[in-house]
N, C-alpha and C. Protein backbone atom coordinates (compact mmCIF):
# COMPACT_ATOMS: atom_id res chain seq x y z
N MET A 1 12.96 8.59 1.44
CA MET A 1 12.73 9.81 2.16
C MET A 1 12.56 10.95 1.15
N LYS A 2 11.63 11.85 1.46
CA LYS A 2 11.41 12.96 0.55
C LYS A 2 12.59 13.92 0.57
N GLU A 3 12.77 14.59 -0.56
CA GLU A 3 13.91 15.51 -0.68
C GLU A 3 13.78 16.71 0.25
N ASN A 4 12.55 17.14 0.53
CA ASN A 4 12.36 18.33 1.36
C ASN A 4 12.23 18.01 2.86
N ALA A 5 12.46 16.76 3.25
CA ALA A 5 12.37 16.38 4.66
C ALA A 5 13.48 17.06 5.46
N LEU A 6 13.11 17.60 6.62
CA LEU A 6 14.08 18.25 7.49
C LEU A 6 14.46 17.31 8.61
N TYR A 7 15.75 17.12 8.79
CA TYR A 7 16.23 16.30 9.90
C TYR A 7 17.61 16.77 10.32
N LYS A 8 17.96 16.40 11.55
CA LYS A 8 19.31 16.69 12.08
C LYS A 8 19.96 15.35 12.44
N ALA A 9 21.16 15.13 11.95
CA ALA A 9 21.89 13.92 12.30
C ALA A 9 22.42 14.07 13.72
N SER A 10 22.18 13.07 14.56
CA SER A 10 22.65 13.17 15.94
C SER A 10 23.78 12.19 16.25
N GLU A 11 23.72 10.98 15.68
CA GLU A 11 24.77 10.00 15.95
C GLU A 11 24.90 9.05 14.76
N GLU A 12 26.13 8.74 14.36
CA GLU A 12 26.36 7.80 13.27
C GLU A 12 26.86 6.50 13.85
N TYR A 13 26.26 5.40 13.40
CA TYR A 13 26.64 4.07 13.89
C TYR A 13 27.67 3.45 12.96
N ASP A 14 28.54 2.63 13.54
CA ASP A 14 29.54 1.91 12.76
C ASP A 14 28.87 0.80 11.97
N ILE A 15 29.33 0.61 10.74
CA ILE A 15 28.81 -0.48 9.91
C ILE A 15 29.78 -1.65 10.05
N PRO A 16 29.29 -2.83 10.48
CA PRO A 16 30.17 -3.98 10.66
C PRO A 16 30.84 -4.39 9.35
N ASP A 17 32.04 -4.95 9.46
CA ASP A 17 32.80 -5.37 8.27
C ASP A 17 32.08 -6.47 7.50
N GLU A 18 31.34 -7.34 8.21
CA GLU A 18 30.67 -8.45 7.53
C GLU A 18 29.32 -8.05 6.93
N ALA A 19 28.93 -6.80 7.09
CA ALA A 19 27.65 -6.30 6.54
C ALA A 19 27.72 -6.20 5.02
N ASP A 20 26.54 -6.17 4.41
CA ASP A 20 26.41 -6.02 2.96
C ASP A 20 27.13 -4.75 2.52
N SER A 21 27.84 -4.81 1.41
CA SER A 21 28.60 -3.65 0.94
C SER A 21 27.69 -2.52 0.46
N GLY A 22 26.39 -2.79 0.30
CA GLY A 22 25.47 -1.77 -0.15
C GLY A 22 25.09 -0.76 0.94
N VAL A 23 25.28 -1.13 2.19
CA VAL A 23 24.94 -0.22 3.29
C VAL A 23 26.02 0.85 3.36
N LEU A 24 25.63 2.09 3.08
CA LEU A 24 26.58 3.20 3.06
C LEU A 24 26.61 3.98 4.37
N LYS A 25 25.44 4.14 4.98
CA LYS A 25 25.36 4.95 6.19
C LYS A 25 24.26 4.44 7.08
N ASP A 26 24.52 4.47 8.38
CA ASP A 26 23.54 4.09 9.40
C ASP A 26 23.66 5.13 10.51
N GLU A 27 22.61 5.94 10.65
CA GLU A 27 22.70 7.03 11.62
C GLU A 27 21.38 7.28 12.32
N GLU A 28 21.48 7.85 13.51
CA GLU A 28 20.30 8.28 14.24
C GLU A 28 20.03 9.72 13.85
N ILE A 29 18.76 10.02 13.57
CA ILE A 29 18.41 11.38 13.18
C ILE A 29 17.22 11.87 14.02
N VAL A 30 17.02 13.16 13.99
CA VAL A 30 15.85 13.76 14.62
C VAL A 30 15.08 14.46 13.50
N LEU A 31 13.87 13.95 13.22
CA LEU A 31 13.01 14.54 12.19
C LEU A 31 12.28 15.74 12.76
N CYS A 32 12.23 16.82 12.00
CA CYS A 32 11.52 18.03 12.41
C CYS A 32 10.26 18.16 11.56
N TYR A 33 9.11 18.36 12.22
CA TYR A 33 7.84 18.44 11.48
C TYR A 33 6.85 19.33 12.24
N GLY A 34 5.68 19.49 11.67
CA GLY A 34 4.62 20.27 12.31
C GLY A 34 4.73 21.75 11.97
N GLU A 35 3.98 22.56 12.72
CA GLU A 35 4.00 24.00 12.51
C GLU A 35 5.40 24.54 12.84
N ASN A 36 5.94 25.26 11.90
CA ASN A 36 7.27 25.87 12.04
C ASN A 36 8.35 24.83 12.38
N LYS A 37 8.08 23.59 12.08
CA LYS A 37 9.04 22.50 12.29
C LYS A 37 9.52 22.43 13.75
N LYS A 38 8.61 22.64 14.68
CA LYS A 38 8.95 22.66 16.11
C LYS A 38 8.91 21.25 16.73
N LYS A 39 8.09 20.37 16.17
CA LYS A 39 7.98 19.02 16.72
C LYS A 39 9.14 18.17 16.23
N GLU A 40 9.57 17.23 17.07
CA GLU A 40 10.70 16.37 16.73
C GLU A 40 10.36 14.91 16.96
N HIS A 41 11.00 14.05 16.16
CA HIS A 41 10.82 12.61 16.30
C HIS A 41 12.16 11.93 16.07
N ARG A 42 12.55 11.08 17.01
CA ARG A 42 13.81 10.34 16.90
C ARG A 42 13.62 9.16 15.96
N ALA A 43 14.51 9.00 14.99
CA ALA A 43 14.42 7.92 14.00
C ALA A 43 15.81 7.49 13.57
N ARG A 44 15.84 6.54 12.70
CA ARG A 44 17.10 6.00 12.17
C ARG A 44 17.06 6.09 10.66
N ARG A 45 18.15 6.56 10.07
CA ARG A 45 18.26 6.72 8.61
C ARG A 45 19.35 5.78 8.11
N ILE A 46 19.00 4.99 7.09
CA ILE A 46 19.94 4.05 6.50
C ILE A 46 20.04 4.36 5.01
N ALA A 47 21.25 4.61 4.54
CA ALA A 47 21.50 4.84 3.11
C ALA A 47 22.01 3.52 2.54
N TYR A 48 21.38 3.08 1.45
CA TYR A 48 21.71 1.80 0.85
C TYR A 48 21.86 1.95 -0.66
N TRP A 49 22.96 1.47 -1.21
CA TRP A 49 23.19 1.50 -2.64
C TRP A 49 22.82 0.15 -3.24
N ASP A 50 21.83 0.14 -4.14
CA ASP A 50 21.39 -1.07 -4.82
C ASP A 50 22.11 -1.14 -6.16
N SER A 51 23.10 -2.00 -6.25
CA SER A 51 23.90 -2.10 -7.47
C SER A 51 23.12 -2.73 -8.62
N ALA A 52 22.13 -3.56 -8.31
CA ALA A 52 21.33 -4.19 -9.36
C ALA A 52 20.50 -3.15 -10.11
N ASN A 53 19.91 -2.20 -9.37
CA ASN A 53 19.10 -1.15 -9.99
C ASN A 53 19.86 0.15 -10.19
N VAL A 54 21.12 0.19 -9.75
CA VAL A 54 21.98 1.37 -9.83
C VAL A 54 21.22 2.57 -9.25
N ARG A 55 20.88 2.44 -7.97
CA ARG A 55 20.06 3.46 -7.33
C ARG A 55 20.37 3.54 -5.83
N LEU A 56 20.29 4.75 -5.31
CA LEU A 56 20.49 4.97 -3.88
C LEU A 56 19.14 5.02 -3.19
N PHE A 57 19.00 4.25 -2.11
CA PHE A 57 17.78 4.26 -1.31
C PHE A 57 18.10 4.81 0.06
N GLU A 58 17.18 5.57 0.62
CA GLU A 58 17.29 6.05 1.99
C GLU A 58 16.08 5.55 2.75
N PHE A 59 16.31 4.78 3.79
CA PHE A 59 15.24 4.22 4.58
C PHE A 59 15.21 4.92 5.93
N VAL A 60 14.01 5.31 6.37
CA VAL A 60 13.83 5.91 7.68
C VAL A 60 12.97 4.96 8.49
N THR A 61 13.43 4.60 9.67
CA THR A 61 12.72 3.65 10.51
C THR A 61 12.83 4.05 11.98
N ASN A 62 11.96 3.50 12.80
CA ASN A 62 12.07 3.71 14.24
C ASN A 62 12.62 2.45 14.92
N ASN A 63 13.07 1.48 14.12
CA ASN A 63 13.63 0.25 14.65
C ASN A 63 15.14 0.43 14.85
N PHE A 64 15.56 0.41 16.10
CA PHE A 64 16.98 0.56 16.42
C PHE A 64 17.61 -0.78 16.79
N GLU A 65 16.82 -1.85 16.76
CA GLU A 65 17.32 -3.16 17.19
C GLU A 65 17.89 -3.99 16.04
N LEU A 66 17.25 -3.97 14.87
CA LEU A 66 17.71 -4.76 13.74
C LEU A 66 18.94 -4.11 13.10
N SER A 67 19.72 -4.93 12.42
CA SER A 67 20.90 -4.40 11.72
C SER A 67 20.45 -3.61 10.50
N ALA A 68 21.31 -2.72 10.04
CA ALA A 68 21.00 -1.89 8.87
C ALA A 68 20.77 -2.77 7.64
N GLU A 69 21.54 -3.83 7.53
CA GLU A 69 21.41 -4.76 6.40
C GLU A 69 20.03 -5.42 6.40
N LYS A 70 19.55 -5.86 7.57
CA LYS A 70 18.24 -6.50 7.66
C LYS A 70 17.11 -5.53 7.30
N ILE A 71 17.24 -4.30 7.75
CA ILE A 71 16.21 -3.30 7.45
C ILE A 71 16.17 -3.05 5.94
N ALA A 72 17.33 -2.97 5.31
CA ALA A 72 17.38 -2.77 3.85
C ALA A 72 16.72 -3.94 3.12
N ILE A 73 16.96 -5.17 3.60
CA ILE A 73 16.35 -6.35 2.97
C ILE A 73 14.84 -6.33 3.14
N ILE A 74 14.37 -5.94 4.33
CA ILE A 74 12.92 -5.86 4.59
C ILE A 74 12.27 -4.87 3.64
N TYR A 75 12.85 -3.71 3.49
CA TYR A 75 12.28 -2.71 2.58
C TYR A 75 12.33 -3.18 1.13
N LYS A 76 13.37 -3.93 0.79
CA LYS A 76 13.49 -4.45 -0.57
C LYS A 76 12.37 -5.46 -0.87
N LYS A 77 12.06 -6.30 0.10
CA LYS A 77 11.01 -7.32 -0.06
C LYS A 77 9.62 -6.71 0.05
N ARG A 78 9.52 -5.53 0.65
CA ARG A 78 8.23 -4.90 0.88
C ARG A 78 7.45 -4.69 -0.41
N TRP A 79 8.12 -4.34 -1.49
CA TRP A 79 7.44 -4.08 -2.76
C TRP A 79 6.79 -5.35 -3.29
N GLN A 80 7.45 -6.49 -3.13
CA GLN A 80 6.88 -7.77 -3.58
C GLN A 80 5.61 -8.07 -2.77
N ILE A 81 5.63 -7.77 -1.49
CA ILE A 81 4.46 -8.00 -0.65
C ILE A 81 3.32 -7.08 -1.09
N GLU A 82 3.64 -5.83 -1.39
CA GLU A 82 2.62 -4.88 -1.87
C GLU A 82 2.00 -5.39 -3.17
N LEU A 83 2.80 -5.92 -4.08
CA LEU A 83 2.29 -6.46 -5.34
C LEU A 83 1.38 -7.66 -5.11
N LEU A 84 1.73 -8.52 -4.14
CA LEU A 84 0.89 -9.66 -3.81
C LEU A 84 -0.47 -9.20 -3.32
N PHE A 85 -0.50 -8.23 -2.42
CA PHE A 85 -1.77 -7.75 -1.91
C PHE A 85 -2.59 -7.04 -2.99
N LYS A 86 -1.93 -6.35 -3.89
CA LYS A 86 -2.63 -5.71 -5.00
C LYS A 86 -3.29 -6.77 -5.88
N GLN A 87 -2.55 -7.84 -6.15
CA GLN A 87 -3.07 -8.94 -6.97
C GLN A 87 -4.25 -9.60 -6.28
N LEU A 88 -4.17 -9.81 -4.98
CA LEU A 88 -5.28 -10.41 -4.23
C LEU A 88 -6.51 -9.53 -4.28
N LYS A 89 -6.32 -8.23 -4.06
CA LYS A 89 -7.45 -7.31 -4.03
C LYS A 89 -8.12 -7.18 -5.40
N GLN A 90 -7.35 -7.26 -6.48
CA GLN A 90 -7.91 -7.10 -7.82
C GLN A 90 -8.63 -8.35 -8.32
N ASN A 91 -8.17 -9.53 -7.91
CA ASN A 91 -8.68 -10.75 -8.52
C ASN A 91 -9.57 -11.61 -7.63
N PHE A 92 -9.61 -11.34 -6.35
CA PHE A 92 -10.41 -12.16 -5.45
C PHE A 92 -11.34 -11.27 -4.63
N PRO A 93 -12.59 -11.66 -4.49
CA PRO A 93 -13.58 -10.81 -3.83
C PRO A 93 -13.43 -10.79 -2.30
N LEU A 94 -12.58 -9.94 -1.80
CA LEU A 94 -12.39 -9.84 -0.35
C LEU A 94 -13.01 -8.55 0.20
N LYS A 95 -13.88 -7.93 -0.58
CA LYS A 95 -14.55 -6.71 -0.11
C LYS A 95 -15.61 -7.05 0.92
N TYR A 96 -16.31 -8.14 0.68
CA TYR A 96 -17.39 -8.58 1.56
C TYR A 96 -17.05 -9.96 2.08
N PHE A 97 -17.12 -10.13 3.37
CA PHE A 97 -16.79 -11.42 3.97
C PHE A 97 -18.05 -12.23 4.20
N LEU A 98 -17.94 -13.55 4.06
CA LEU A 98 -19.08 -14.44 4.19
C LEU A 98 -19.49 -14.64 5.64
N GLY A 99 -18.57 -14.45 6.55
CA GLY A 99 -18.86 -14.57 7.98
C GLY A 99 -18.48 -13.29 8.68
N ASP A 100 -18.87 -13.19 9.95
CA ASP A 100 -18.56 -11.96 10.66
C ASP A 100 -17.63 -12.16 11.85
N ASN A 101 -17.20 -13.39 12.08
CA ASN A 101 -16.24 -13.58 13.18
C ASN A 101 -14.82 -13.68 12.63
N GLU A 102 -13.87 -13.59 13.50
CA GLU A 102 -12.45 -13.56 13.10
C GLU A 102 -12.04 -14.81 12.33
N ASN A 103 -12.50 -15.98 12.78
CA ASN A 103 -12.14 -17.23 12.15
C ASN A 103 -12.66 -17.31 10.71
N ALA A 104 -13.89 -16.89 10.47
CA ALA A 104 -14.47 -16.92 9.13
C ALA A 104 -13.72 -16.00 8.18
N ILE A 105 -13.37 -14.82 8.66
CA ILE A 105 -12.62 -13.87 7.82
C ILE A 105 -11.24 -14.42 7.50
N GLU A 106 -10.58 -15.00 8.51
CA GLU A 106 -9.25 -15.58 8.31
C GLU A 106 -9.29 -16.72 7.30
N ILE A 107 -10.31 -17.57 7.38
CA ILE A 107 -10.44 -18.69 6.44
C ILE A 107 -10.63 -18.17 5.02
N GLN A 108 -11.44 -17.13 4.85
CA GLN A 108 -11.67 -16.58 3.52
C GLN A 108 -10.40 -15.96 2.94
N ILE A 109 -9.61 -15.30 3.77
CA ILE A 109 -8.34 -14.72 3.31
C ILE A 109 -7.37 -15.83 2.93
N TRP A 110 -7.27 -16.88 3.75
CA TRP A 110 -6.38 -18.00 3.45
C TRP A 110 -6.81 -18.70 2.16
N ALA A 111 -8.12 -18.84 1.95
CA ALA A 111 -8.61 -19.47 0.73
C ALA A 111 -8.22 -18.65 -0.50
N ALA A 112 -8.33 -17.33 -0.40
CA ALA A 112 -7.93 -16.46 -1.51
C ALA A 112 -6.43 -16.57 -1.77
N MET A 113 -5.64 -16.63 -0.71
CA MET A 113 -4.18 -16.75 -0.89
C MET A 113 -3.81 -18.09 -1.50
N LEU A 114 -4.50 -19.16 -1.09
CA LEU A 114 -4.24 -20.49 -1.69
C LEU A 114 -4.64 -20.52 -3.16
N ALA A 115 -5.78 -19.93 -3.48
CA ALA A 115 -6.20 -19.86 -4.88
C ALA A 115 -5.19 -19.08 -5.70
N ASN A 116 -4.69 -17.97 -5.14
CA ASN A 116 -3.67 -17.17 -5.80
C ASN A 116 -2.41 -17.99 -6.06
N LEU A 117 -1.99 -18.76 -5.07
CA LEU A 117 -0.80 -19.59 -5.22
C LEU A 117 -1.01 -20.66 -6.29
N LEU A 118 -2.16 -21.32 -6.28
CA LEU A 118 -2.43 -22.37 -7.27
C LEU A 118 -2.47 -21.81 -8.70
N ILE A 119 -3.08 -20.65 -8.86
CA ILE A 119 -3.14 -20.04 -10.19
C ILE A 119 -1.76 -19.58 -10.63
N THR A 120 -0.96 -19.07 -9.70
CA THR A 120 0.42 -18.67 -10.02
C THR A 120 1.23 -19.89 -10.47
N LEU A 121 1.07 -21.02 -9.77
CA LEU A 121 1.76 -22.25 -10.17
C LEU A 121 1.30 -22.74 -11.54
N ALA A 122 0.00 -22.69 -11.78
CA ALA A 122 -0.51 -23.10 -13.10
C ALA A 122 0.02 -22.19 -14.19
N LYS A 123 0.07 -20.89 -13.91
CA LYS A 123 0.57 -19.92 -14.90
C LYS A 123 2.05 -20.18 -15.22
N SER A 124 2.82 -20.59 -14.22
CA SER A 124 4.25 -20.84 -14.44
C SER A 124 4.48 -22.08 -15.32
N LYS A 125 3.52 -23.02 -15.34
CA LYS A 125 3.68 -24.23 -16.15
C LYS A 125 3.21 -24.04 -17.59
N LEU A 126 2.46 -22.98 -17.85
CA LEU A 126 1.92 -22.77 -19.20
C LEU A 126 2.97 -22.18 -20.13
N LYS A 127 2.91 -22.62 -21.40
CA LYS A 127 3.79 -22.03 -22.41
C LYS A 127 3.16 -20.77 -22.99
N ARG A 128 1.83 -20.78 -23.08
CA ARG A 128 1.09 -19.63 -23.61
C ARG A 128 1.08 -18.51 -22.56
N SER A 129 1.28 -17.30 -23.00
CA SER A 129 1.31 -16.16 -22.10
C SER A 129 -0.12 -15.69 -21.76
N TRP A 130 -0.40 -15.56 -20.46
CA TRP A 130 -1.71 -15.11 -19.99
C TRP A 130 -1.50 -13.97 -19.00
N ALA A 131 -2.36 -12.99 -19.06
CA ALA A 131 -2.41 -11.99 -17.99
C ALA A 131 -3.05 -12.67 -16.78
N PHE A 132 -2.56 -12.36 -15.59
CA PHE A 132 -3.05 -13.06 -14.39
C PHE A 132 -4.56 -12.89 -14.22
N SER A 133 -5.05 -11.68 -14.44
CA SER A 133 -6.49 -11.43 -14.25
C SER A 133 -7.33 -12.21 -15.27
N ASN A 134 -6.85 -12.33 -16.50
CA ASN A 134 -7.56 -13.12 -17.51
C ASN A 134 -7.57 -14.60 -17.14
N LEU A 135 -6.45 -15.07 -16.63
CA LEU A 135 -6.35 -16.46 -16.21
C LEU A 135 -7.33 -16.75 -15.07
N VAL A 136 -7.42 -15.84 -14.11
CA VAL A 136 -8.36 -16.00 -13.00
C VAL A 136 -9.79 -16.05 -13.53
N SER A 137 -10.12 -15.15 -14.46
CA SER A 137 -11.48 -15.12 -15.02
C SER A 137 -11.82 -16.41 -15.76
N VAL A 138 -10.91 -16.89 -16.58
CA VAL A 138 -11.17 -18.12 -17.34
C VAL A 138 -11.32 -19.30 -16.40
N ILE A 139 -10.47 -19.41 -15.41
CA ILE A 139 -10.56 -20.53 -14.46
C ILE A 139 -11.86 -20.43 -13.67
N ARG A 140 -12.24 -19.24 -13.26
CA ARG A 140 -13.50 -19.04 -12.52
C ARG A 140 -14.69 -19.48 -13.37
N GLN A 141 -14.68 -19.17 -14.67
CA GLN A 141 -15.80 -19.54 -15.54
C GLN A 141 -15.85 -21.06 -15.80
N GLN A 142 -14.68 -21.68 -15.87
CA GLN A 142 -14.62 -23.10 -16.22
C GLN A 142 -14.48 -24.01 -15.00
N LEU A 143 -14.65 -23.46 -13.82
CA LEU A 143 -14.39 -24.21 -12.60
C LEU A 143 -15.27 -25.46 -12.46
N MET A 144 -16.51 -25.40 -12.91
CA MET A 144 -17.42 -26.53 -12.73
C MET A 144 -17.49 -27.44 -13.97
N ASN A 145 -16.67 -27.20 -14.97
CA ASN A 145 -16.61 -28.05 -16.16
C ASN A 145 -15.48 -29.05 -16.01
N TYR A 146 -15.73 -30.25 -16.50
CA TYR A 146 -14.71 -31.28 -16.45
C TYR A 146 -13.89 -31.21 -17.72
N ILE A 147 -12.76 -30.48 -17.65
CA ILE A 147 -11.88 -30.33 -18.81
C ILE A 147 -10.44 -30.48 -18.36
N ASP A 148 -9.58 -30.75 -19.32
CA ASP A 148 -8.14 -30.76 -19.07
C ASP A 148 -7.69 -29.29 -18.98
N MET A 149 -7.41 -28.84 -17.77
CA MET A 149 -7.14 -27.42 -17.56
C MET A 149 -5.93 -26.94 -18.36
N TYR A 150 -4.84 -27.67 -18.31
CA TYR A 150 -3.63 -27.24 -19.01
C TYR A 150 -3.83 -27.25 -20.52
N GLY A 151 -4.49 -28.29 -21.02
CA GLY A 151 -4.79 -28.34 -22.45
C GLY A 151 -5.68 -27.19 -22.87
N PHE A 152 -6.69 -26.90 -22.05
CA PHE A 152 -7.60 -25.81 -22.35
C PHE A 152 -6.88 -24.47 -22.33
N LEU A 153 -6.03 -24.25 -21.34
CA LEU A 153 -5.34 -22.96 -21.22
C LEU A 153 -4.25 -22.77 -22.27
N GLU A 154 -3.68 -23.86 -22.76
CA GLU A 154 -2.67 -23.75 -23.82
C GLU A 154 -3.32 -23.39 -25.16
N ASP A 155 -4.50 -24.02 -25.46
CA ASP A 155 -5.19 -23.75 -26.72
C ASP A 155 -6.69 -23.88 -26.50
N PRO A 156 -7.34 -22.81 -26.02
CA PRO A 156 -8.77 -22.89 -25.69
C PRO A 156 -9.66 -23.26 -26.88
N GLU A 157 -9.39 -22.70 -28.05
CA GLU A 157 -10.23 -22.96 -29.22
C GLU A 157 -10.21 -24.45 -29.61
N GLU A 158 -9.01 -25.01 -29.70
CA GLU A 158 -8.87 -26.41 -30.08
C GLU A 158 -9.49 -27.32 -29.03
N SER A 159 -9.35 -26.96 -27.79
CA SER A 159 -9.92 -27.74 -26.70
C SER A 159 -11.44 -27.80 -26.81
N TRP A 160 -12.08 -26.65 -27.09
CA TRP A 160 -13.53 -26.62 -27.25
C TRP A 160 -13.97 -27.41 -28.48
N ARG A 161 -13.21 -27.32 -29.57
CA ARG A 161 -13.55 -28.10 -30.76
C ARG A 161 -13.55 -29.60 -30.45
N ALA A 162 -12.57 -30.03 -29.68
CA ALA A 162 -12.47 -31.45 -29.30
C ALA A 162 -13.65 -31.87 -28.44
N ILE A 163 -14.07 -31.03 -27.52
CA ILE A 163 -15.21 -31.33 -26.64
C ILE A 163 -16.49 -31.42 -27.46
N ILE A 164 -16.69 -30.49 -28.38
CA ILE A 164 -17.89 -30.49 -29.23
C ILE A 164 -17.93 -31.75 -30.10
N LYS A 165 -16.78 -32.11 -30.67
CA LYS A 165 -16.71 -33.31 -31.52
C LYS A 165 -17.00 -34.56 -30.69
N GLU A 166 -16.47 -34.61 -29.50
CA GLU A 166 -16.69 -35.75 -28.61
C GLU A 166 -18.18 -35.88 -28.27
N ASN A 167 -18.83 -34.75 -28.00
CA ASN A 167 -20.26 -34.78 -27.67
C ASN A 167 -21.11 -35.17 -28.86
N LYS A 168 -20.72 -34.72 -30.07
CA LYS A 168 -21.47 -35.13 -31.28
C LYS A 168 -21.38 -36.62 -31.48
N ASP A 169 -20.19 -37.18 -31.33
CA ASP A 169 -20.01 -38.63 -31.49
C ASP A 169 -20.73 -39.40 -30.38
N LYS A 170 -20.80 -38.83 -29.21
CA LYS A 170 -21.41 -39.49 -28.06
C LYS A 170 -22.92 -39.67 -28.26
N TYR A 171 -23.57 -38.66 -28.82
CA TYR A 171 -25.03 -38.70 -28.99
C TYR A 171 -25.45 -38.94 -30.44
N LYS A 172 -24.54 -39.46 -31.24
CA LYS A 172 -24.80 -39.65 -32.67
C LYS A 172 -25.99 -40.58 -32.91
N TYR A 173 -26.04 -41.69 -32.23
CA TYR A 173 -27.09 -42.69 -32.44
C TYR A 173 -28.10 -42.70 -31.31
N SER A 174 -28.17 -41.65 -30.55
CA SER A 174 -29.07 -41.59 -29.42
C SER A 174 -30.48 -41.26 -29.89
N LEU A 175 -31.46 -41.81 -29.21
CA LEU A 175 -32.84 -41.53 -29.51
C LEU A 175 -33.24 -40.13 -29.05
N PHE A 176 -32.60 -39.68 -27.97
CA PHE A 176 -32.89 -38.35 -27.41
C PHE A 176 -31.60 -37.52 -27.34
N PRO A 177 -31.12 -37.00 -28.46
CA PRO A 177 -29.89 -36.19 -28.42
C PRO A 177 -30.15 -34.89 -27.65
N GLU A 178 -29.12 -34.45 -26.98
CA GLU A 178 -29.23 -33.21 -26.19
C GLU A 178 -28.96 -32.00 -27.03
C-alpha cells in the first residue's frame, strides 16, 4: 500500500492462534479516493512481517472470505508468477497467434509454457551457467540439428570440433565430398 493512501479502520478481526506468526494485523478499512477524497471503498488490510526478508508488507484486498495467512501466501507467490509471465513474453513469440479461435490461442500458450518448462529443466541439469534468453536462442538455432544437446550446451566449441572431425572422416574417401 502506498504511504499516502487515505483510509479509515472500521473493524479489526481476531487472528487465530494457529495462524502464521507473520500475520500482525487483519482489519476492515474504508479507502477514501477521488476528488476531495469523497468516494469510499470497503476493503481489507493485512499487515504481514516477512522474517526471511526482514520486511513489513501491507496487503489490501477485497476478499473477506480467505484467511489472512492465505492472502499473504498468495501475494508472496504472485511475484514468482509475474516473473514466469515476463520470461514467457521475452523468450517466446506470443505477440501474434497462429490461429484466431480460442482453442488455437490456448494451444499456442500451452506450447510456450511447455517449452519454457523443458528449457528450465535442461538449464537445471547443466553445469555451465547460461542466461535463460541465450539458452532459448541457442536451442532455437540448433533445434533441427542432430546433436547431443547437453554435450553441446556444456561445451559448444568442443562439440562443434567433434562434429567437423566426424564429417571429415566420414567423407574422407568419398568420390563426391560435400
